[in-house]
Protein backbone atom coordinates (compact mmCIF):
# COMPACT_ATOMS: atom_id res chain seq x y z
CA MET A 1 147.28 -22.67 82.51
CA ASN A 2 149.86 -25.17 81.52
CA ASN A 3 152.97 -24.61 83.64
CA ARG A 4 154.17 -24.04 87.19
CA ARG A 5 154.76 -20.34 86.60
CA ASP A 6 151.10 -19.79 85.68
CA ASP A 7 149.97 -21.84 88.70
CA ASP A 8 152.14 -19.71 90.99
CA LEU A 9 150.77 -16.55 89.39
CA MET A 10 147.18 -17.64 90.04
CA LYS A 11 147.98 -18.39 93.67
CA LYS A 12 149.42 -14.90 94.07
CA LEU A 13 146.46 -13.34 92.30
CA SER A 14 143.98 -15.23 94.47
CA GLU A 15 145.75 -14.11 97.65
CA ALA A 16 145.77 -10.51 96.43
CA ALA A 17 142.05 -10.70 95.65
CA ARG A 18 141.32 -12.27 99.04
CA THR A 19 143.08 -9.44 100.87
CA GLY A 20 141.67 -6.71 98.64
CA ALA A 21 145.10 -5.80 97.23
CA ILE A 22 144.06 -6.01 93.57
CA SER A 23 141.14 -4.65 91.54
CA ARG A 24 138.79 -6.88 89.58
CA ARG A 25 140.02 -5.39 86.29
CA SER A 26 143.68 -6.19 87.09
CA PHE A 27 142.78 -9.66 88.36
CA MET A 28 140.87 -10.50 85.17
CA TYR A 29 143.66 -9.19 82.91
CA ASN A 30 146.38 -11.19 84.66
CA ALA A 31 144.26 -14.34 85.06
CA MET A 32 143.46 -14.43 81.34
CA ALA A 33 147.14 -13.81 80.58
CA ALA A 34 147.84 -16.95 82.66
CA GLY A 35 145.58 -18.96 80.36
CA LEU A 36 142.13 -18.82 81.98
CA THR A 37 139.07 -18.18 79.85
CA ALA A 38 136.91 -15.19 80.73
CA SER A 39 134.31 -17.40 82.45
CA LEU A 40 136.94 -19.27 84.48
CA ALA A 41 138.62 -16.00 85.44
CA THR A 42 135.26 -14.61 86.57
CA GLY A 43 134.67 -17.68 88.72
CA ALA A 44 138.17 -17.44 90.20
CA TRP A 45 137.59 -13.78 91.10
CA THR A 46 134.25 -14.58 92.73
CA ARG A 47 135.82 -17.33 94.81
CA SER A 48 138.82 -15.23 95.85
CA ALA A 49 137.77 -11.61 96.09
CA LYS A 50 137.56 -9.93 99.47
CA ALA A 51 133.90 -9.11 99.96
CA GLU A 52 131.96 -7.17 102.56
CA PRO A 53 128.78 -8.73 103.95
CA LYS A 54 125.55 -7.67 102.27
CA ARG A 55 121.97 -8.23 103.37
CA GLY A 56 119.26 -9.89 101.35
CA GLY A 57 118.03 -13.07 99.72
CA THR A 58 116.94 -16.53 100.81
CA PHE A 59 119.81 -18.87 101.63
CA ARG A 60 119.01 -22.49 100.69
CA VAL A 61 121.03 -25.19 102.46
CA ALA A 62 120.95 -28.94 101.88
CA SER A 63 121.97 -30.60 105.14
CA HIS A 64 123.06 -34.16 105.78
CA ASP A 65 122.11 -36.26 108.81
CA GLY A 66 118.47 -35.68 109.67
CA SER A 67 115.71 -37.86 111.07
CA ALA A 68 111.96 -37.69 111.66
CA SER A 69 112.64 -38.63 115.29
CA ASP A 70 114.51 -35.37 115.99
CA SER A 71 113.17 -32.95 118.59
CA HIS A 72 113.22 -29.33 119.76
CA ASP A 73 114.44 -30.58 123.14
CA PRO A 74 118.08 -29.37 123.26
CA GLY A 75 119.02 -32.23 125.57
CA ALA A 76 117.96 -34.68 122.86
CA TYR A 77 119.81 -33.16 119.91
CA LEU A 78 121.44 -36.01 117.95
CA ASN A 79 121.76 -35.18 114.26
CA PHE A 80 123.73 -32.50 112.42
CA SER A 81 120.67 -31.04 110.70
CA VAL A 82 119.31 -30.23 114.17
CA TYR A 83 122.64 -28.69 115.19
CA LEU A 84 122.45 -26.50 112.09
CA LEU A 85 118.87 -25.53 112.91
CA ALA A 86 119.67 -24.86 116.58
CA ASN A 87 122.51 -22.49 115.72
CA ALA A 88 120.21 -20.66 113.31
CA TYR A 89 117.30 -20.02 115.69
CA ARG A 90 118.63 -20.37 119.24
CA SER A 91 121.37 -18.63 121.20
CA TYR A 92 124.02 -19.88 123.62
CA VAL A 93 125.86 -18.42 126.59
CA THR A 94 129.10 -18.23 124.57
CA ALA A 95 130.05 -19.06 120.98
CA ILE A 96 133.03 -20.28 118.98
CA GLN A 97 133.90 -17.66 116.38
CA SER A 98 134.85 -18.20 112.74
CA ASP A 99 138.53 -17.89 113.69
CA SER A 100 137.97 -20.66 116.33
CA SER A 101 138.37 -18.25 119.24
CA LEU A 102 135.86 -17.99 122.07
CA GLY A 103 133.41 -15.11 121.85
CA PRO A 104 130.15 -13.76 123.24
CA ASP A 105 126.56 -14.72 122.62
CA ILE A 106 123.96 -14.22 125.35
CA ALA A 107 126.84 -13.46 127.72
CA LYS A 108 128.74 -10.35 126.70
CA GLU A 109 131.54 -10.81 129.27
CA TRP A 110 132.60 -13.17 132.06
CA HIS A 111 135.20 -13.68 134.77
CA ALA A 112 136.27 -16.41 137.20
CA SER A 113 137.36 -16.61 140.80
CA PRO A 114 141.11 -17.32 141.25
CA ASP A 115 140.49 -21.06 141.71
CA ALA A 116 137.99 -21.23 138.81
CA THR A 117 135.22 -22.58 141.08
CA GLU A 118 132.93 -19.60 140.44
CA TRP A 119 132.21 -17.99 137.07
CA THR A 120 130.11 -14.84 136.71
CA PHE A 121 128.49 -14.02 133.35
CA GLN A 122 127.07 -10.63 132.40
CA LEU A 123 124.18 -11.07 129.97
CA ASP A 124 123.50 -8.87 126.96
CA PRO A 125 120.41 -6.75 127.75
CA ARG A 126 119.65 -6.45 124.02
CA ALA A 127 118.88 -10.16 123.66
CA VAL A 128 115.23 -10.90 122.97
CA PHE A 129 113.27 -14.05 122.13
CA HIS A 130 111.39 -14.27 118.85
CA SER A 131 108.15 -14.11 120.86
CA GLY A 132 109.15 -10.61 122.01
CA LYS A 133 110.15 -11.54 125.57
CA LYS A 134 113.51 -10.25 126.82
CA VAL A 135 116.14 -12.89 127.59
CA MET A 136 116.69 -12.76 131.35
CA ALA A 137 118.83 -14.52 133.91
CA ASP A 138 115.92 -16.84 134.78
CA ASP A 139 115.87 -18.11 131.18
CA VAL A 140 119.59 -18.86 131.16
CA ILE A 141 119.40 -20.61 134.54
CA ALA A 142 116.44 -22.75 133.44
CA SER A 143 118.22 -23.58 130.18
CA LEU A 144 121.27 -24.89 132.03
CA ASN A 145 119.30 -26.61 134.80
CA HIS A 146 117.34 -28.50 132.14
CA HIS A 147 120.42 -30.70 131.73
CA ARG A 148 121.05 -31.19 135.46
CA GLY A 149 119.48 -33.31 138.15
CA ASP A 150 118.89 -37.00 138.71
CA LYS A 151 115.94 -37.16 136.32
CA SER A 152 117.71 -35.50 133.42
CA THR A 153 118.25 -37.64 130.32
CA SER A 154 120.17 -34.90 128.49
CA ALA A 155 123.28 -35.69 126.50
CA ALA A 156 124.88 -32.71 128.27
CA LYS A 157 124.15 -33.95 131.79
CA SER A 158 127.68 -35.20 132.48
CA MET A 159 129.25 -31.93 131.29
CA LEU A 160 127.40 -30.02 134.00
CA ALA A 161 127.85 -32.64 136.73
CA ALA A 162 130.42 -30.46 138.49
CA VAL A 163 127.98 -27.52 138.78
CA LYS A 164 126.94 -27.04 142.40
CA ASP A 165 124.56 -24.13 141.93
CA ILE A 166 123.57 -21.39 139.49
CA VAL A 167 122.76 -18.10 141.19
CA LYS A 168 120.87 -15.11 139.82
CA ASN A 169 122.70 -11.88 140.71
CA ASP A 170 120.23 -9.65 138.89
CA ASP A 171 118.13 -9.83 135.72
CA HIS A 172 121.24 -9.79 133.54
CA SER A 173 123.89 -11.54 135.60
CA ILE A 174 124.40 -15.09 136.86
CA THR A 175 127.11 -16.91 138.78
CA ILE A 176 127.82 -20.60 138.19
CA LYS A 177 129.33 -22.27 141.27
CA MET A 178 131.33 -25.46 140.78
CA ASN A 179 132.18 -28.33 143.12
CA SER A 180 135.74 -28.03 141.84
CA GLY A 181 137.63 -25.71 139.53
CA MET A 182 136.76 -25.76 135.84
CA ALA A 183 139.07 -23.67 133.73
CA ASP A 184 137.21 -24.53 130.50
CA LEU A 185 133.67 -23.65 131.60
CA PRO A 186 133.15 -20.78 129.08
CA TRP A 187 134.25 -23.16 126.29
CA LEU A 188 131.95 -25.90 127.56
CA LEU A 189 128.96 -23.56 127.40
CA THR A 190 129.30 -23.41 123.61
CA ASP A 191 128.07 -27.02 123.41
CA VAL A 192 125.19 -27.34 120.95
CA HIS A 193 122.89 -28.91 123.56
CA LEU A 194 123.10 -25.91 125.92
CA ALA A 195 120.74 -23.76 123.89
CA ILE A 196 118.91 -20.90 125.60
CA CYS A 197 115.12 -21.29 125.72
CA PRO A 198 112.41 -19.39 127.66
CA ALA A 199 111.79 -20.36 131.28
CA ASN A 200 108.38 -21.41 132.56
CA PRO A 201 107.07 -19.67 135.71
CA ASP A 202 108.00 -22.73 137.78
CA GLY A 203 111.63 -22.64 136.63
CA THR A 204 111.35 -25.48 134.12
CA LEU A 205 112.20 -24.99 130.46
CA ASN A 206 109.76 -24.19 127.68
CA TRP A 207 111.60 -25.85 124.82
CA GLN A 208 108.44 -27.28 123.23
CA SER A 209 107.36 -24.00 121.62
CA GLY A 210 110.46 -23.77 119.42
CA ASP A 211 110.96 -20.19 120.61
CA GLY A 212 114.54 -18.93 120.45
CA SER A 213 116.65 -15.78 120.51
CA GLY A 214 119.03 -16.65 117.68
CA PRO A 215 119.66 -14.88 114.36
CA TYR A 216 116.59 -16.37 112.64
CA LYS A 217 113.11 -17.23 113.84
CA LEU A 218 111.54 -20.56 112.94
CA VAL A 219 108.51 -20.15 110.69
CA SER A 220 107.70 -23.76 109.83
CA GLY A 221 109.28 -27.15 109.42
CA ASP A 222 109.24 -30.91 109.80
CA PHE A 223 112.10 -32.79 111.41
CA GLY A 224 113.97 -34.92 108.94
CA ARG A 225 112.57 -32.93 106.01
CA ASN A 226 112.84 -29.12 105.93
CA PHE A 227 112.72 -25.86 107.90
CA GLU A 228 111.87 -22.30 106.90
CA LEU A 229 113.26 -19.36 108.88
CA GLN A 230 113.17 -15.57 108.69
CA ARG A 231 115.64 -13.02 109.99
CA HIS A 232 115.16 -12.03 113.64
CA ASP A 233 115.54 -8.27 113.49
CA GLY A 234 115.99 -8.15 117.26
CA TRP A 235 119.09 -10.32 117.24
CA HIS A 236 121.76 -8.92 119.55
CA LEU A 237 124.89 -9.81 117.53
CA GLU A 238 126.28 -9.07 114.07
CA GLY A 239 125.36 -11.24 111.11
CA ALA A 240 122.07 -12.73 109.93
CA TYR A 241 122.67 -11.21 106.51
CA PHE A 242 120.06 -13.29 104.67
CA ASP A 243 116.40 -12.27 104.73
CA ALA A 244 115.42 -15.91 105.07
CA VAL A 245 116.98 -19.36 105.40
CA SER A 246 115.64 -22.62 104.00
CA ILE A 247 117.13 -25.85 105.34
CA VAL A 248 116.26 -29.06 103.52
CA VAL A 249 117.42 -32.43 104.85
CA VAL A 250 119.00 -34.54 102.09
CA ASN A 251 120.70 -37.60 103.56
CA ASP A 252 121.79 -38.98 100.19
CA PRO A 253 125.19 -37.44 99.27
CA SER A 254 124.67 -37.76 95.52
CA ALA A 255 121.34 -35.95 95.73
CA ARG A 256 122.89 -33.16 97.82
CA GLN A 257 125.66 -32.68 95.31
CA ALA A 258 123.25 -32.69 92.36
CA ALA A 259 121.18 -30.00 94.07
CA LEU A 260 124.28 -27.85 94.50
CA ILE A 261 125.47 -28.26 90.91
CA SER A 262 122.04 -27.48 89.49
CA GLY A 263 121.68 -24.36 91.64
CA GLU A 264 118.68 -25.78 93.49
CA VAL A 265 120.51 -24.97 96.75
CA ASP A 266 123.20 -22.44 97.59
CA ALA A 267 125.28 -24.66 99.88
CA VAL A 268 125.63 -28.22 101.18
CA THR A 269 126.95 -29.27 104.58
CA GLN A 270 128.86 -32.37 103.48
CA LEU A 271 130.29 -33.52 100.14
CA GLU A 272 130.74 -36.90 98.48
CA LEU A 273 134.53 -37.17 98.51
CA LYS A 274 134.70 -39.45 95.46
CA THR A 275 133.81 -36.53 93.21
CA LEU A 276 135.67 -33.81 95.09
CA ALA A 277 138.22 -33.25 92.32
CA LEU A 278 135.44 -32.84 89.75
CA LEU A 279 133.61 -30.26 91.85
CA LYS A 280 136.78 -28.23 92.32
CA ARG A 281 136.89 -27.66 88.56
CA ASP A 282 133.41 -26.11 88.50
CA PRO A 283 133.84 -22.29 88.52
CA ASN A 284 130.37 -21.88 90.04
CA ILE A 285 131.22 -23.84 93.20
CA ASN A 286 133.55 -23.16 96.12
CA VAL A 287 134.78 -26.31 97.88
CA HIS A 288 135.81 -25.89 101.52
CA ASN A 289 138.20 -28.63 102.71
CA LEU A 290 139.46 -27.81 106.22
CA PRO A 291 141.37 -29.93 108.79
CA SER A 292 139.37 -30.36 111.98
CA GLY A 293 138.91 -32.37 115.13
CA SER A 294 135.81 -34.09 113.78
CA ALA A 295 136.37 -37.79 114.37
CA ILE A 296 135.20 -41.14 113.08
CA THR A 297 134.86 -43.66 115.90
CA MET A 298 133.98 -47.34 116.09
CA PRO A 299 132.84 -47.86 119.69
CA MET A 300 132.72 -51.38 121.16
CA HIS A 301 130.49 -51.92 124.19
CA THR A 302 133.00 -52.93 126.83
CA ASN A 303 130.30 -54.41 129.06
CA VAL A 304 129.31 -57.20 126.66
CA ALA A 305 131.24 -60.11 125.13
CA PRO A 306 133.49 -60.28 123.22
CA PHE A 307 134.34 -56.60 123.71
CA ASP A 308 134.60 -56.95 127.50
CA ASN A 309 138.06 -58.43 126.87
CA VAL A 310 140.74 -55.76 126.39
CA ASP A 311 142.84 -58.09 124.22
CA VAL A 312 139.93 -58.52 121.80
CA ARG A 313 139.47 -54.76 121.66
CA ASN A 314 143.15 -54.17 120.94
CA ALA A 315 143.20 -56.96 118.36
CA LEU A 316 140.51 -55.11 116.42
CA LYS A 317 142.53 -51.90 116.70
CA TYR A 318 145.63 -53.60 115.29
CA ALA A 319 143.51 -55.16 112.51
CA MET A 320 142.81 -51.77 110.91
CA ASN A 321 144.98 -50.12 108.24
CA ARG A 322 144.21 -46.48 108.95
CA LYS A 323 146.34 -45.04 106.15
CA ASP A 324 144.49 -47.20 103.63
CA LEU A 325 141.16 -45.88 104.92
CA VAL A 326 142.30 -42.25 104.72
CA ASP A 327 143.66 -42.70 101.19
CA LYS A 328 140.86 -44.77 99.67
CA ILE A 329 137.74 -43.61 101.51
CA GLU A 330 138.52 -40.02 102.43
CA PHE A 331 140.77 -39.34 99.42
CA GLY A 332 143.30 -37.74 101.74
CA ALA A 333 140.75 -35.38 103.34
CA ALA A 334 141.51 -36.68 106.83
CA SER A 335 144.39 -37.37 109.23
CA ILE A 336 145.18 -40.75 110.78
CA GLY A 337 143.79 -41.38 114.27
CA ASN A 338 145.52 -43.16 117.13
CA ASP A 339 142.62 -44.54 119.21
CA PHE A 340 142.39 -41.61 121.63
CA HIS A 341 139.88 -38.82 121.21
CA HIS A 342 142.18 -35.82 121.59
CA SER A 343 142.68 -34.15 118.24
CA PRO A 344 145.71 -32.13 117.08
CA GLU A 345 143.33 -29.15 116.84
CA MET A 346 142.84 -29.16 120.63
CA PRO A 347 145.20 -27.69 123.23
CA TYR A 348 147.51 -30.07 125.15
CA TYR A 349 147.70 -32.55 122.24
CA PRO A 350 150.19 -35.35 123.20
CA LYS A 351 152.07 -35.56 119.90
CA ASP A 352 154.79 -37.88 121.26
CA ILE A 353 152.49 -40.90 121.65
CA PRO A 354 153.58 -43.59 119.16
CA GLN A 355 151.23 -44.18 116.25
CA ARG A 356 149.41 -47.52 116.31
CA GLU A 357 150.26 -49.33 113.08
CA TYR A 358 148.42 -52.01 111.12
CA ASP A 359 149.72 -55.32 112.53
CA PRO A 360 147.62 -58.42 111.70
CA ASP A 361 150.15 -60.71 113.38
CA GLN A 362 149.89 -58.80 116.65
CA ALA A 363 146.10 -58.94 116.34
CA ARG A 364 146.23 -62.74 115.90
CA SER A 365 148.50 -63.05 118.94
CA LEU A 366 146.10 -61.03 121.10
CA LEU A 367 143.12 -63.10 119.96
CA LYS A 368 144.97 -66.29 120.84
CA LYS A 369 145.74 -64.86 124.28
CA ALA A 370 142.05 -64.03 124.73
CA GLY A 371 140.90 -67.44 123.52
CA ALA A 372 139.00 -65.69 120.74
CA GLU A 373 140.62 -67.11 117.59
CA GLY A 374 138.28 -67.05 114.59
CA LEU A 375 136.53 -63.95 115.98
CA LYS A 376 133.31 -62.93 114.22
CA VAL A 377 131.64 -59.56 114.90
CA ASN A 378 128.87 -57.43 113.40
CA LEU A 379 129.68 -53.79 112.60
CA SER A 380 126.70 -51.48 112.07
CA THR A 381 126.94 -48.43 109.83
CA ALA A 382 124.89 -46.22 107.49
CA ASP A 383 125.48 -43.75 104.66
CA SER A 384 124.20 -40.87 106.78
CA VAL A 385 126.98 -41.26 109.39
CA THR A 386 129.53 -39.70 107.05
CA SER A 387 130.41 -39.75 103.38
CA GLY A 388 131.80 -43.21 102.61
CA ALA A 389 130.83 -44.73 105.98
CA VAL A 390 129.66 -48.03 104.47
CA ASP A 391 132.69 -48.32 102.18
CA MET A 392 134.92 -47.62 105.16
CA ALA A 393 133.41 -50.48 107.14
CA VAL A 394 133.76 -52.85 104.17
CA LEU A 395 137.42 -51.94 103.68
CA PHE A 396 138.09 -52.44 107.40
CA ALA A 397 136.52 -55.89 107.08
CA GLU A 398 139.04 -56.65 104.33
CA HIS A 399 141.92 -55.51 106.56
CA ALA A 400 140.68 -57.67 109.43
CA LYS A 401 140.67 -60.85 107.35
CA ALA A 402 144.48 -60.90 107.50
CA ALA A 403 144.17 -61.16 111.29
CA GLY A 404 141.67 -64.01 111.09
CA ILE A 405 138.76 -61.74 112.05
CA GLU A 406 135.43 -61.81 110.24
CA VAL A 407 133.73 -58.41 110.35
CA ASN A 408 130.16 -58.61 109.06
CA VAL A 409 129.12 -55.14 107.90
CA VAL A 410 125.47 -54.42 108.71
CA ARG A 411 124.04 -51.58 106.62
CA GLU A 412 121.45 -49.87 108.81
CA PRO A 413 118.69 -47.45 107.68
CA ASN A 414 119.73 -43.80 107.58
CA ASP A 415 116.58 -42.64 109.31
CA GLY A 416 116.77 -43.30 113.03
CA TYR A 417 120.41 -44.41 113.02
CA TRP A 418 121.35 -42.23 115.98
CA SER A 419 118.31 -43.19 118.03
CA ASP A 420 118.09 -46.90 117.15
CA VAL A 421 121.68 -48.02 116.44
CA TRP A 422 124.25 -45.76 118.08
CA LEU A 423 124.51 -46.46 121.84
CA LYS A 424 122.24 -49.46 121.29
CA LYS A 425 124.21 -51.91 119.16
CA PRO A 426 127.55 -53.15 120.54
CA PHE A 427 129.78 -52.27 117.56
CA CYS A 428 129.00 -49.46 115.15
CA VAL A 429 130.42 -46.51 113.23
CA ALA A 430 129.90 -42.96 114.53
CA GLN A 431 130.99 -39.46 113.68
CA TRP A 432 131.76 -36.77 116.26
CA GLY A 433 131.92 -33.07 115.66
CA ALA A 434 135.01 -31.39 117.06
CA ARG A 435 134.99 -30.19 120.66
CA PRO A 436 137.08 -27.16 121.64
CA THR A 437 139.02 -28.79 124.51
CA PRO A 438 139.90 -32.34 125.63
CA ASP A 439 137.87 -31.86 128.80
CA VAL A 440 134.69 -31.23 126.83
CA MET A 441 135.30 -34.28 124.61
CA TYR A 442 136.23 -36.66 127.41
CA SER A 443 133.40 -35.43 129.64
CA THR A 444 130.90 -35.98 126.84
CA ALA A 445 131.93 -39.43 125.63
CA TYR A 446 134.42 -41.12 127.98
CA LYS A 447 133.42 -40.28 131.55
CA ASP A 448 131.86 -43.31 133.24
CA ASP A 449 128.42 -41.71 133.71
CA ALA A 450 128.31 -39.68 130.49
CA ALA A 451 125.03 -40.11 128.59
CA TRP A 452 127.04 -40.45 125.38
CA ASN A 453 129.69 -42.85 126.73
CA GLU A 454 129.39 -44.78 123.50
CA SER A 455 131.70 -47.66 124.49
CA LYS A 456 130.28 -48.04 128.04
CA TRP A 457 133.89 -47.75 129.26
CA ASN A 458 134.53 -47.22 132.97
CA ASN A 459 138.15 -46.67 134.00
CA PRO A 460 138.59 -45.29 137.55
CA ARG A 461 142.02 -43.82 136.86
CA PHE A 462 140.77 -42.07 133.73
CA ASN A 463 137.80 -40.61 135.65
CA GLU A 464 140.12 -39.44 138.45
CA LEU A 465 142.46 -37.71 136.00
CA LEU A 466 139.56 -36.06 134.20
CA LEU A 467 138.48 -34.28 137.38
CA LYS A 468 142.04 -33.32 138.34
CA ALA A 469 142.90 -31.97 134.90
CA ARG A 470 139.70 -29.96 134.78
CA ALA A 471 140.71 -27.97 137.85
CA GLU A 472 144.44 -27.73 137.12
CA LEU A 473 145.58 -24.24 136.15
CA ASP A 474 149.22 -25.20 135.58
CA ASN A 475 149.43 -25.95 131.85
CA SER A 476 152.38 -28.35 132.02
CA ARG A 477 150.79 -30.51 134.73
CA ARG A 478 147.51 -30.43 132.88
CA ALA A 479 149.22 -31.59 129.68
CA GLU A 480 150.79 -34.54 131.56
CA MET A 481 147.36 -35.62 132.80
CA TYR A 482 145.84 -35.47 129.33
CA ARG A 483 148.71 -37.54 127.97
CA GLU A 484 148.07 -40.27 130.54
CA MET A 485 144.35 -40.18 129.74
CA ALA A 486 145.12 -40.53 126.04
CA MET A 487 147.28 -43.58 126.71
CA LEU A 488 144.60 -45.16 128.91
CA SER A 489 141.90 -44.74 126.27
CA ARG A 490 144.28 -45.87 123.49
CA ASP A 491 145.42 -49.07 125.19
CA GLN A 492 142.47 -49.97 127.40
CA GLY A 493 139.46 -48.14 126.00
CA GLY A 494 136.67 -49.49 123.88
CA THR A 495 136.85 -47.06 120.96
CA ILE A 496 138.67 -47.53 117.67
CA LEU A 497 139.41 -44.09 116.24
CA PRO A 498 140.50 -44.49 112.61
CA MET A 499 140.79 -40.84 111.65
CA PHE A 500 140.07 -37.18 112.20
CA LEU A 501 138.09 -35.86 109.26
CA ASN A 502 138.54 -32.66 107.39
CA VAL A 503 135.27 -30.79 107.24
CA VAL A 504 134.37 -30.78 103.54
CA PHE A 505 131.40 -28.73 102.41
CA ALA A 506 130.62 -26.40 99.55
CA SER A 507 128.77 -23.30 98.46
CA ARG A 508 127.87 -21.62 95.20
CA SER A 509 130.39 -19.00 94.07
CA ASN A 510 127.96 -16.15 94.79
CA VAL A 511 128.02 -16.93 98.53
CA GLY A 512 130.39 -14.83 100.62
CA HIS A 513 131.93 -15.96 103.91
CA PRO A 514 134.60 -14.92 106.44
CA ASP A 515 138.27 -15.43 105.59
CA LYS A 516 138.47 -18.13 108.27
CA MET A 517 135.81 -20.65 109.19
CA ALA A 518 135.33 -22.54 112.44
CA VAL A 519 135.91 -26.30 112.30
CA ASN A 520 134.28 -27.43 115.55
CA TRP A 521 131.47 -28.53 113.19
CA THR A 522 131.23 -28.53 109.44
CA PHE A 523 129.70 -25.47 107.76
CA ASP A 524 131.60 -22.83 109.75
CA GLY A 525 130.88 -24.41 113.11
CA ALA A 526 127.26 -25.06 111.99
CA ARG A 527 126.80 -21.25 111.87
CA GLY A 528 127.13 -20.52 108.16
CA THR A 529 123.49 -19.42 108.05
CA SER A 530 124.24 -16.38 110.22
CA ARG A 531 127.85 -15.68 109.19
CA TRP A 532 127.63 -15.91 105.39
CA TRP A 533 125.97 -13.68 102.81
CA PHE A 534 125.30 -13.37 99.07
CA ALA A 535 128.29 -11.67 97.47
């Protein structure tokens, strides 16, 4: 292809193939007429053609972000490789679909009281654990209660803080009673930590066995290394097209990419963006580059100096050139952030809030006001956080020099980063998967008592608004509350939010997938293992 007309023709051909409006023979004829070789035309057809799911084969996935310290305890899930595993072998009350809508999982239907203080869920009687035991109401109640109570250390504890009681109506029906209305409860129950496990006779949760009721059953594995799974023929939903799934943890992005190119694996969960353009030219590889609400954050512990001073925090925010980071580190595969954790992919997004611009002079002025001129800080990061995480921190340090700030980039080990650095060290780089609603995000990471309140921020007005917005059924009033919360976190909070990442992953051209893919996590919402197939 060597002109715009041929490019336009290929776009039209690809769309026709995707929708099933053209045969393979016609596609190949027209693609070769547009200048493609036979091999390139074949690859283009494979990438574009509408395909029906087929069963069979072993799907080999190289996943980023894994650690030997990971656990089967759903309340302790920290790394993406565990999220991927959990969605492969465990079920949830509800699930985010490939088109980003809310759909069923263990619960086949649900309804709320008029004030949204009580939600009743009807459970699918077909659901069965891999051990052969039927999934019952007691299992779902124990799975949710595992994250509740004073002694709970679960990352999901704060999300369920408003739950007053969970009542068993019968073996396949439960009612969740709230202290106040929660319009987003069915969305919240999709959270990766709220996995369904078998209940013990005393009502506690048997998570230690690794038993699940998801699309695949766990055969063997070592955290931080690899997992082998086989199809669960008793799964209650559609999908699970592969006979088996093999997940190997490869934290090094170059090694993941090499495994994909060589055909050693069929898909990778995150790509090295520096070589994205090169991969796109390989007819044997499909690159998936999708806008999402996945965010990069740089939390500052607001309860320790110098980050306990709001002027210091805002000086660091003004000392960052976000556009430069998006262009040079993410190669455009991201959108600029504005220091509040409410993405454009979420409902109620406050698009009228002015964008914070790079302003070294304003940063210097704030430091002078704080008596913190000549500020020096350590910023911890690691390659496993996200592709280019170390380079991002180094480039930010260059930006900050113009404001008279010395940012010392500390390169931490990949293994154990989330258990030993994040939440522990006062200034670090983190990546968040997208959450479906602002309530879920703010409840997880910004509420004063949230286990994952990464900046240790406690703002009474923000906490008050969070509870009010959660129960508000009037959309316009709810949007006003979320706008005020965004402004509070932007101007007073302890989190720098440079950007919202596209989810960028890839598969071999013989892997089929739905027309749309969820972006709450990379890899089709971390559910590619059950939603994809070999074409």
